[in-house]
Amino acid sequence: MNRAEHYHQMTTAELNAEYMNKKQELFNLRFQHSVGQLKNPLMLPEVKKDIARVLTILKERELNVPKNQGKAKTTVAKAKPTKKDGGAK
């Protein structure tokens, strides 16, 4: 199960609590980074992405958007016909 699916299964109250926890974690990571104690700086963008995931799901619930509506459909683009005579007349 990926993180987005995990967040989709949470209740709104749990998501709000998770948002607050992630904001606190981001604050702590930024503080550790500024004083040079952060062992893994790649945690910063990961926590930011988690915050964005949580906020996106909360917004979807606020707007009553179905779960799969935001996924793009894949289509095959048709090639444009070309002139066979090279285009010069």
Protein backbone atom coordinates (compact mmCIF):
# COMPACT_ATOMS: atom_id res chain seq x y z
CA MET A 1 0.00 0.00 0.00
CA ASN A 2 1.46 3.36 -0.98
CA ARG A 3 1.20 6.51 1.07
CA ALA A 4 -1.69 8.03 -0.86
CA GLU A 5 -3.83 4.92 -0.40
CA HIS A 6 -2.92 4.92 3.28
CA TYR A 7 -4.05 8.53 3.62
CA HIS A 8 -7.27 7.89 1.68
CA GLN A 9 -8.24 5.26 4.24
CA MET A 10 -7.88 7.69 7.16
CA THR A 11 -10.78 9.70 8.55
CA THR A 12 -10.83 13.46 8.26
CA ALA A 13 -9.95 13.86 11.94
CA GLU A 14 -7.01 11.49 11.52
CA LEU A 15 -5.86 13.42 8.44
CA ASN A 16 -5.98 16.69 10.38
CA ALA A 17 -3.91 15.11 13.14
CA GLU A 18 -1.47 13.71 10.56
CA TYR A 19 -1.18 17.17 8.99
CA MET A 20 -0.26 18.70 12.34
CA ASN A 21 2.26 15.91 13.02
CA LYS A 22 3.89 16.37 9.61
CA LYS A 23 4.08 20.15 10.08
CA GLN A 24 5.82 19.61 13.43
CA GLU A 25 8.15 17.04 11.85
CA LEU A 26 9.01 19.50 9.06
CA PHE A 27 9.77 22.20 11.63
CA ASN A 28 12.06 19.83 13.52
CA LEU A 29 13.84 18.73 10.34
CA ARG A 30 14.38 22.33 9.26
CA PHE A 31 15.77 23.16 12.68
CA GLN A 32 18.12 20.17 12.61
CA HIS A 33 19.21 21.12 9.09
CA SER A 34 19.99 24.68 10.11
CA VAL A 35 22.23 23.58 12.99
CA GLY A 36 23.90 20.86 10.93
CA GLN A 37 22.51 17.85 12.80
CA LEU A 38 20.29 16.45 10.06
CA LYS A 39 21.58 13.03 9.01
CA ASN A 40 19.34 12.58 5.97
CA PRO A 41 18.51 15.83 4.16
CA LEU A 42 16.29 13.94 1.70
CA MET A 43 13.70 13.72 4.46
CA LEU A 44 12.76 17.39 3.93
CA PRO A 45 11.17 16.96 0.48
CA GLU A 46 9.55 13.68 1.54
CA VAL A 47 7.79 15.33 4.48
CA LYS A 48 6.73 18.23 2.24
CA LYS A 49 5.21 15.76 -0.22
CA ASP A 50 3.38 13.99 2.59
CA ILE A 51 1.94 17.32 3.72
CA ALA A 52 0.81 18.03 0.16
CA ARG A 53 -0.80 14.58 -0.09
CA VAL A 54 -2.73 15.11 3.13
CA LEU A 55 -3.89 18.58 2.12
CA THR A 56 -4.95 17.31 -1.31
CA ILE A 57 -7.07 14.56 0.19
CA LEU A 58 -8.63 16.99 2.67
CA LYS A 59 -9.48 19.38 -0.17
CA GLU A 60 -10.95 16.55 -2.25
CA ARG A 61 -13.18 15.61 0.65
CA GLU A 62 -14.20 19.22 1.15
CA LEU A 63 -15.22 19.45 -2.52
CA ASN A 64 -16.72 15.93 -2.58
CA VAL A 65 -14.52 14.87 -5.47
CA PRO A 66 -14.65 11.15 -6.30
CA LYS A 67 -11.43 9.28 -5.54
CA ASN A 68 -10.42 8.45 -9.14
CA GLN A 69 -11.58 11.62 -10.90
CA GLY A 70 -8.19 13.34 -10.87
CA LYS A 71 -6.35 10.58 -12.70
CA ALA A 72 -5.51 11.39 -16.31
CA LYS A 73 -6.72 9.16 -19.09
CA THR A 74 -4.12 7.86 -21.46
CA THR A 75 -4.79 8.39 -25.14
CA VAL A 76 -2.74 7.69 -28.21
CA ALA A 77 -1.99 10.78 -30.28
CA LYS A 78 -2.59 10.48 -34.01
CA ALA A 79 0.21 11.52 -36.33
CA LYS A 80 -0.50 14.46 -38.62
CA PRO A 81 -0.49 13.64 -42.33
CA THR A 82 2.57 14.95 -44.15
CA LYS A 83 2.92 16.16 -47.70
CA LYS A 84 4.67 13.68 -49.90
CA ASP A 85 6.07 16.24 -52.34
CA GLY A 86 8.27 17.94 -49.73
CA GLY A 87 6.03 20.97 -49.30
CA ALA A 88 7.71 23.19 -51.93
CA LYS A 89 5.62 24.46 -54.86
